[in-house]
Amino acid sequence: MAEDRVEDNFNPGGRAYHGFSTLLCTPASLSQDVGAAIGTQAGPAKLRVIVVGAGFADFRTVAQTPFHRVLLATRT
């Protein structure tokens, strides 16, 4: 559950998630061939670029809580 602007993530949840992302998710991504290194804290704008670039036509939020965002990506 990250926002696009870093300053919008300055809250207890954002601090914890960015810590996890930095220590676990980003290094795991860098160890793979694609190596996008977005971790778990890429906001919807960055995710949209990746998903649309992979050939998906529709990308939208279908549910959201203070801690989670559920995204739907479909091909036409």
C-alpha atoms as a PDB file:
ATOM      1  CA  MET A   1       0.000   0.000   0.000  1.00  0.00           C
ATOM      2  CA  ALA A   2       2.319   2.688  -1.264  1.00  0.00           C
ATOM      3  CA  GLU A   3       1.574   6.069  -2.737  1.00  0.00           C
ATOM      4  CA  ASP A   4       3.366   7.535  -5.737  1.00  0.00           C
ATOM      5  CA  ARG A   5       5.026  10.382  -3.817  1.00  0.00           C
ATOM      6  CA  VAL A   6       7.552   9.398  -1.117  1.00  0.00           C
ATOM      7  CA  GLU A   7       6.277  12.059   1.289  1.00  0.00           C
ATOM      8  CA  ASP A   8       2.801  10.490   1.159  1.00  0.00           C
ATOM      9  CA  ASN A   9       4.296   7.373   2.738  1.00  0.00           C
ATOM     10  CA  PHE A  10       5.577   9.144   5.874  1.00  0.00           C
ATOM     11  CA  ASN A  11       3.372   7.242   8.310  1.00  0.00           C
ATOM     12  CA  PRO A  12       3.918   4.201  10.580  1.00  0.00           C
ATOM     13  CA  GLY A  13       2.817   1.679   7.950  1.00  0.00           C
ATOM     14  CA  GLY A  14       4.831   3.320   5.200  1.00  0.00           C
ATOM     15  CA  ARG A  15       7.957   3.376   7.338  1.00  0.00           C
ATOM     16  CA  ALA A  16       7.667  -0.336   8.144  1.00  0.00           C
ATOM     17  CA  TYR A  17       6.863  -1.335   4.563  1.00  0.00           C
ATOM     18  CA  HIS A  18       9.748   0.695   3.134  1.00  0.00           C
ATOM     19  CA  GLY A  19      12.100  -0.975   5.611  1.00  0.00           C
ATOM     20  CA  PHE A  20      10.932  -4.448   4.576  1.00  0.00           C
ATOM     21  CA  SER A  21      11.121  -3.483   0.925  1.00  0.00           C
ATOM     22  CA  THR A  22      14.671  -2.175   1.226  1.00  0.00           C
ATOM     23  CA  LEU A  23      15.978  -5.188   3.137  1.00  0.00           C
ATOM     24  CA  LEU A  24      14.141  -8.011   1.380  1.00  0.00           C
ATOM     25  CA  CYS A  25      12.183  -7.184  -1.757  1.00  0.00           C
ATOM     26  CA  THR A  26      14.588  -4.897  -3.593  1.00  0.00           C
ATOM     27  CA  PRO A  27      17.641  -7.188  -3.210  1.00  0.00           C
ATOM     28  CA  ALA A  28      15.521 -10.165  -4.320  1.00  0.00           C
ATOM     29  CA  SER A  29      14.475  -8.259  -7.439  1.00  0.00           C
ATOM     30  CA  LEU A  30      18.036  -7.197  -8.231  1.00  0.00           C
ATOM     31  CA  SER A  31      19.116 -10.849  -8.116  1.00  0.00           C
ATOM     32  CA  GLN A  32      16.808 -11.675 -11.058  1.00  0.00           C
ATOM     33  CA  ASP A  33      17.385 -11.063 -14.761  1.00  0.00           C
ATOM     34  CA  VAL A  34      14.723  -8.343 -15.045  1.00  0.00           C
ATOM     35  CA  GLY A  35      15.967  -6.527 -11.947  1.00  0.00           C
ATOM     36  CA  ALA A  36      13.294  -3.800 -11.851  1.00  0.00           C
ATOM     37  CA  ALA A  37      14.066  -3.269  -8.139  1.00  0.00           C
ATOM     38  CA  ILE A  38      10.723  -1.663  -7.361  1.00  0.00           C
ATOM     39  CA  GLY A  39      10.415  -3.581  -4.089  1.00  0.00           C
ATOM     40  CA  THR A  40       6.994  -3.635  -2.496  1.00  0.00           C
ATOM     41  CA  GLN A  41       6.579   0.101  -2.345  1.00  0.00           C
ATOM     42  CA  ALA A  42       6.017   1.118  -5.930  1.00  0.00           C
ATOM     43  CA  GLY A  43       3.006   3.372  -6.201  1.00  0.00           C
ATOM     44  CA  PRO A  44       0.176   2.853  -8.673  1.00  0.00           C
ATOM     45  CA  ALA A  45       1.726   5.099 -11.340  1.00  0.00           C
ATOM     46  CA  LYS A  46       4.950   3.042 -11.530  1.00  0.00           C
ATOM     47  CA  LEU A  47       3.022  -0.230 -11.437  1.00  0.00           C
ATOM     48  CA  ARG A  48       0.773   0.997 -14.259  1.00  0.00           C
ATOM     49  CA  VAL A  49       3.819   1.650 -16.470  1.00  0.00           C
ATOM     50  CA  ILE A  50       5.127  -1.878 -15.855  1.00  0.00           C
ATOM     51  CA  VAL A  51       1.751  -3.601 -16.277  1.00  0.00           C
ATOM     52  CA  VAL A  52       0.771  -1.721 -19.452  1.00  0.00           C
ATOM     53  CA  GLY A  53       4.280  -2.327 -20.818  1.00  0.00           C
ATOM     54  CA  ALA A  54       3.711  -6.051 -20.290  1.00  0.00           C
ATOM     55  CA  GLY A  55       0.691  -5.925 -22.580  1.00  0.00           C
ATOM     56  CA  PHE A  56      -2.210  -5.479 -20.201  1.00  0.00           C
ATOM     57  CA  ALA A  57      -4.878  -3.033 -21.326  1.00  0.00           C
ATOM     58  CA  ASP A  58      -6.887  -2.425 -18.163  1.00  0.00           C
ATOM     59  CA  PHE A  59      -5.262  -1.581 -14.834  1.00  0.00           C
ATOM     60  CA  ARG A  60      -7.250  -0.300 -11.880  1.00  0.00           C
ATOM     61  CA  THR A  61      -7.727  -0.448  -8.132  1.00  0.00           C
ATOM     62  CA  VAL A  62     -10.645  -2.720  -7.207  1.00  0.00           C
ATOM     63  CA  ALA A  63     -10.350  -2.666  -3.404  1.00  0.00           C
ATOM     64  CA  GLN A  64      -8.372  -0.775  -0.805  1.00  0.00           C
ATOM     65  CA  THR A  65      -7.827  -0.734   2.953  1.00  0.00           C
ATOM     66  CA  PRO A  66      -5.410   1.367   5.001  1.00  0.00           C
ATOM     67  CA  PHE A  67      -2.808  -1.406   4.537  1.00  0.00           C
ATOM     68  CA  HIS A  68      -3.581  -3.045   1.182  1.00  0.00           C
ATOM     69  CA  ARG A  69      -4.496  -2.128  -2.371  1.00  0.00           C
ATOM     70  CA  VAL A  70      -5.909  -4.775  -4.720  1.00  0.00           C
ATOM     71  CA  LEU A  71      -5.160  -4.095  -8.373  1.00  0.00           C
ATOM     72  CA  LEU A  72      -6.822  -5.700 -11.378  1.00  0.00           C
ATOM     73  CA  ALA A  73      -4.976  -6.029 -14.679  1.00  0.00           C
ATOM     74  CA  THR A  74      -6.696  -7.597 -17.682  1.00  0.00           C
ATOM     75  CA  ARG A  75      -5.805  -8.212 -21.296  1.00  0.00           C
ATOM     76  CA  THR A  76      -8.255  -7.427 -24.063  1.00  0.00           C
END
